[in-house]
């Protein structure tokens, strides 16, 4: 398989929670990810069957980038 067409790696909700924390420092419990999936505002997901939700790593990366601020040198920059 060429590098251009590598298959996406999909993670369960619990794996997605761990991935966000370990890879990006974004703490989201798997229960909170379930809430976001229901109400909106969370990472993009897919369904594998009637009840199993899976997340692509690339979608989790995009979500983390959307919730993290830009780098700052001072708290006054956040205003």
Protein backbone atom coordinates (compact mmCIF):
# COMPACT_ATOMS: atom_id res chain seq x y z
CA UNK A 1 0.00 0.00 0.00
CA UNK A 2 1.42 3.39 -0.92
CA UNK A 3 2.04 6.03 1.72
CA UNK A 4 -0.52 8.27 0.01
CA UNK A 5 -3.32 5.79 0.58
CA UNK A 6 -2.65 4.39 4.02
CA UNK A 7 -5.75 3.12 5.79
CA UNK A 8 -7.03 5.31 8.61
CA UNK A 9 -6.63 3.91 12.10
CA UNK A 10 -9.89 3.89 14.03
CA UNK A 11 -10.16 3.95 17.80
CA UNK A 12 -12.93 3.04 20.21
CA UNK A 13 -14.32 5.77 22.44
CA UNK A 14 -12.09 4.67 25.35
CA UNK A 15 -9.05 4.52 23.07
CA UNK A 16 -9.94 7.96 21.69
CA UNK A 17 -10.03 9.37 25.22
CA UNK A 18 -6.55 7.98 25.93
CA UNK A 19 -5.23 9.13 22.54
CA UNK A 20 -6.35 12.72 23.09
CA UNK A 21 -4.67 12.84 26.49
CA UNK A 22 -1.44 11.07 25.55
CA UNK A 23 -0.93 12.68 22.15
CA UNK A 24 -2.28 16.18 22.77
CA UNK A 25 -2.76 16.66 26.52
CA UNK A 26 -6.50 17.13 25.95
CA UNK A 27 -8.44 15.49 28.77
CA UNK A 28 -11.81 14.17 27.66
CA UNK A 29 -13.29 11.13 29.37
CA UNK A 30 -14.94 8.53 27.18
CA UNK A 31 -18.22 9.38 28.93
CA UNK A 32 -17.82 13.04 27.96
CA UNK A 33 -17.01 12.01 24.38
CA UNK A 34 -20.33 10.12 24.38
CA UNK A 35 -22.11 13.25 25.60
CA UNK A 36 -20.46 15.33 22.88
CA UNK A 37 -21.45 12.75 20.26
CA UNK A 38 -25.06 13.17 21.36
CA UNK A 39 -25.16 16.94 21.84
CA UNK A 40 -22.53 18.07 19.34
CA UNK A 41 -19.25 19.89 19.72
CA UNK A 42 -16.98 16.87 19.85
CA UNK A 43 -14.71 15.16 17.38
CA UNK A 44 -16.10 13.72 14.16
CA UNK A 45 -16.96 10.03 14.54
CA UNK A 46 -18.27 7.09 12.55
CA UNK A 47 -20.51 4.21 13.50
CA UNK A 48 -19.47 0.61 13.09
CA UNK A 49 -22.81 -1.11 13.42
CA UNK A 50 -25.85 0.05 15.36
CA UNK A 51 -24.11 1.13 18.55
CA UNK A 52 -20.30 1.08 18.20
CA UNK A 53 -18.72 4.50 17.67
CA UNK A 54 -15.20 4.83 16.26
CA UNK A 55 -12.90 7.81 15.78
CA UNK A 56 -10.19 8.27 13.15
CA UNK A 57 -6.88 9.49 14.57
CA UNK A 58 -6.83 12.33 12.02
CA UNK A 59 -10.25 13.51 13.24
CA UNK A 60 -9.05 13.42 16.85
CA UNK A 61 -5.96 15.43 15.85
CA UNK A 62 -8.20 18.03 14.17
CA UNK A 63 -10.47 18.20 17.23
CA UNK A 64 -7.50 18.70 19.56
CA UNK A 65 -6.19 21.50 17.35
CA UNK A 66 -9.62 23.16 17.45
CA UNK A 67 -9.86 23.20 21.26
CA UNK A 68 -6.29 24.16 22.11
CA UNK A 69 -5.27 27.81 22.17
CA UNK A 70 -2.32 29.17 20.26
CA UNK A 71 0.98 29.16 22.18
CA UNK A 72 1.29 32.08 24.62
CA UNK A 73 4.10 33.59 26.67
CA UNK A 74 1.78 35.34 29.13
CA UNK A 75 -1.75 34.96 30.47
CA UNK A 76 -2.40 38.53 29.29
CA UNK A 77 -2.18 37.26 25.70
CA UNK A 78 -5.33 35.18 26.25
CA UNK A 79 -7.52 38.28 26.59
